Amino acid sequence: MSNDINQITQEIERKFDGIEQQIFAGEMFDQWRGSFEVKKIYVKKENADIKLDLDVRLMHWPEGVVVKVYKHKALAALPYVKDEAVVREHLKSEPQPAKFWKDAFYFSRRTDLDNGRYVLRDGNAMTDADADICLQMLKTFIEEVESILKG
């Protein structure tokens, strides 16, 4: 089993490296070229499931506004912020807690993100097609955050 999880982990790392390369060099993100900040977080335990996050933001966004692409148990993407005041200021609404993310609030006009953020419930089954879906979701969330910030 440990060999299987190591292979799965390597595949997921490869796919996330591909996502990161697309953010910095892919055509779909050309309009924001040079404006990205990406924080990569790997949590790898011996013979255990990998947890991998890419926290993506544009430099001109308010501090703490991020679109997270992650594989923990599930594979998903979500726009969030930890500062409730930023939600109130820009969304003109009460902050909605991001389910399963301590002290985080959705930074989106969408109301279905408790479920709508998921690409796969079993992130270990991630395929290249799922990575493409993550990239499309990331782009959609970046466009939405940009729209929210412009008022």
Protein backbone atom coordinates (compact mmCIF):
# COMPACT_ATOMS: atom_id res chain seq x y z
CA MET A 1 0.00 0.00 0.00
CA SER A 2 2.80 2.45 0.82
CA ASN A 3 4.09 2.14 -2.74
CA ASP A 4 0.62 2.95 -4.09
CA ILE A 5 0.26 6.08 -1.93
CA ASN A 6 3.77 7.18 -2.91
CA GLN A 7 2.87 6.83 -6.60
CA ILE A 8 -0.40 8.70 -6.05
CA THR A 9 1.46 11.43 -4.16
CA GLN A 10 4.02 11.82 -6.96
CA GLU A 11 1.25 12.04 -9.56
CA ILE A 12 -0.64 14.69 -7.58
CA GLU A 13 2.56 16.69 -7.06
CA ARG A 14 3.20 16.53 -10.81
CA LYS A 15 -0.32 17.72 -11.58
CA PHE A 16 -0.04 20.61 -9.09
CA ASP A 17 3.32 21.58 -10.57
CA GLY A 18 1.53 21.72 -13.93
CA ILE A 19 -1.20 23.93 -12.46
CA GLU A 20 1.43 26.27 -11.05
CA GLN A 21 3.25 26.41 -14.40
CA GLN A 22 -0.02 27.33 -16.13
CA ILE A 23 -0.63 30.15 -13.64
CA PHE A 24 2.75 31.69 -14.41
CA ALA A 25 3.10 30.86 -18.11
CA GLY A 26 -0.23 29.58 -19.47
CA GLU A 27 -2.22 31.47 -22.05
CA MET A 28 -5.42 31.44 -19.99
CA PHE A 29 -3.75 33.69 -17.36
CA ASP A 30 -1.99 36.07 -19.80
CA GLN A 31 -4.00 39.11 -18.75
CA TRP A 32 -2.58 38.90 -15.21
CA ARG A 33 0.99 37.95 -16.17
CA GLY A 34 3.48 39.32 -13.64
CA SER A 35 0.77 40.09 -11.05
CA PHE A 36 0.54 36.73 -9.29
CA GLU A 37 1.61 35.76 -5.81
CA VAL A 38 1.45 32.02 -5.25
CA LYS A 39 2.12 30.33 -1.94
CA LYS A 40 2.58 26.57 -2.17
CA ILE A 41 1.95 24.41 0.88
CA TYR A 42 2.82 20.70 0.92
CA VAL A 43 2.03 18.46 3.87
CA LYS A 44 3.47 15.03 3.20
CA LYS A 45 3.49 12.30 5.83
CA GLU A 46 5.19 8.95 5.51
CA ASN A 47 2.73 6.46 3.98
CA ALA A 48 -0.15 8.91 4.28
CA ASP A 49 -2.30 11.09 2.10
CA ILE A 50 -0.71 14.24 0.67
CA LYS A 51 -2.19 17.65 1.38
CA LEU A 52 -1.30 20.28 -1.17
CA ASP A 53 -2.47 23.91 -1.42
CA LEU A 54 -1.80 26.66 -3.91
CA ASP A 55 -2.87 30.02 -2.48
CA VAL A 56 -3.17 32.29 -5.50
CA ARG A 57 -3.72 36.04 -5.44
CA LEU A 58 -3.06 39.14 -7.48
CA MET A 59 -0.72 41.66 -5.86
CA HIS A 60 -3.27 44.49 -5.98
CA TRP A 61 -5.94 42.55 -4.08
CA PRO A 62 -6.64 43.50 -0.45
CA GLU A 63 -4.39 41.66 1.99
CA GLY A 64 -5.64 38.14 2.66
CA VAL A 65 -7.92 37.74 -0.39
CA VAL A 66 -6.91 34.42 -1.94
CA VAL A 67 -8.16 31.77 -4.33
CA LYS A 68 -7.09 28.42 -2.91
CA VAL A 69 -6.68 25.38 -5.15
CA TYR A 70 -6.22 22.39 -2.90
CA LYS A 71 -6.05 18.65 -2.60
CA HIS A 72 -6.56 17.41 0.93
CA LYS A 73 -9.02 14.55 1.01
CA ALA A 74 -10.98 16.31 -1.74
CA LEU A 75 -9.80 18.33 -4.73
CA ALA A 76 -11.33 21.79 -4.85
CA ALA A 77 -10.94 25.54 -5.36
CA LEU A 78 -12.38 28.40 -3.35
CA PRO A 79 -12.04 32.16 -3.03
CA TYR A 80 -11.71 33.26 0.58
CA VAL A 81 -10.49 35.86 3.04
CA LYS A 82 -9.90 35.70 6.79
CA ASP A 83 -10.93 39.31 7.48
CA GLU A 84 -14.70 39.69 7.85
CA ALA A 85 -14.42 43.45 7.29
CA VAL A 86 -13.08 42.87 3.76
CA VAL A 87 -16.20 40.81 2.95
CA ARG A 88 -18.51 43.50 4.34
CA GLU A 89 -16.67 46.29 2.51
CA HIS A 90 -16.54 44.67 -0.91
CA LEU A 91 -19.49 42.25 -0.98
CA LYS A 92 -21.79 44.46 1.09
CA SER A 93 -23.06 41.38 2.88
CA GLU A 94 -22.52 39.39 6.03
CA PRO A 95 -19.53 37.04 5.82
CA GLN A 96 -20.34 33.40 5.10
CA PRO A 97 -17.96 30.98 6.84
CA ALA A 98 -16.06 28.70 4.46
CA LYS A 99 -17.07 25.20 5.48
CA PHE A 100 -14.14 23.18 6.91
CA TRP A 101 -11.77 26.22 6.83
CA LYS A 102 -11.25 27.71 10.28
CA ASP A 103 -11.63 31.50 10.43
CA ALA A 104 -12.11 31.79 6.65
CA PHE A 105 -15.00 33.40 4.78
CA TYR A 106 -16.06 33.00 1.16
CA PHE A 107 -15.08 35.95 -1.02
CA SER A 108 -17.68 35.31 -3.69
CA ARG A 109 -21.22 36.20 -4.68
CA ARG A 110 -21.91 32.49 -5.19
CA THR A 111 -23.99 30.87 -2.48
CA ASP A 112 -23.28 27.23 -3.39
CA LEU A 113 -19.59 27.00 -2.50
CA ASP A 114 -20.03 24.57 0.38
CA ASN A 115 -20.53 22.03 -2.43
CA GLY A 116 -19.79 24.00 -5.60
CA ARG A 117 -16.06 24.33 -4.90
CA TYR A 118 -15.39 20.59 -5.29
CA VAL A 119 -13.85 19.02 -8.36
CA LEU A 120 -13.51 15.57 -6.72
CA ARG A 121 -14.48 14.30 -3.28
CA ASP A 122 -11.65 11.74 -3.52
CA GLY A 123 -8.69 13.89 -4.51
CA ASN A 124 -6.42 10.86 -4.82
CA ALA A 125 -8.28 9.98 -8.03
CA MET A 126 -7.16 13.29 -9.64
CA THR A 127 -6.61 13.15 -13.41
CA ASP A 128 -5.17 15.65 -15.88
CA ALA A 129 -8.77 16.53 -16.82
CA ASP A 130 -9.44 17.34 -13.14
CA ALA A 131 -6.36 19.60 -13.10
CA ASP A 132 -7.83 21.42 -16.13
CA ILE A 133 -11.12 21.87 -14.25
CA CYS A 134 -9.17 23.33 -11.31
CA LEU A 135 -7.48 25.79 -13.66
CA GLN A 136 -10.81 26.85 -15.14
CA MET A 137 -12.31 27.28 -11.67
CA LEU A 138 -9.26 29.31 -10.63
CA LYS A 139 -9.67 31.61 -13.62
CA THR A 140 -13.40 32.00 -12.97
CA PHE A 141 -12.79 32.86 -9.31
CA ILE A 142 -10.03 35.35 -10.22
CA GLU A 143 -12.41 37.05 -12.66
CA GLU A 144 -15.12 37.14 -9.99
CA VAL A 145 -12.78 38.61 -7.35
CA GLU A 146 -11.64 41.24 -9.86
CA SER A 147 -15.29 42.10 -10.56
CA ILE A 148 -16.11 42.33 -6.84
CA LEU A 149 -13.15 44.63 -6.20
CA LYS A 150 -14.08 46.95 -9.07
CA GLY A 151 -17.52 47.35 -7.49
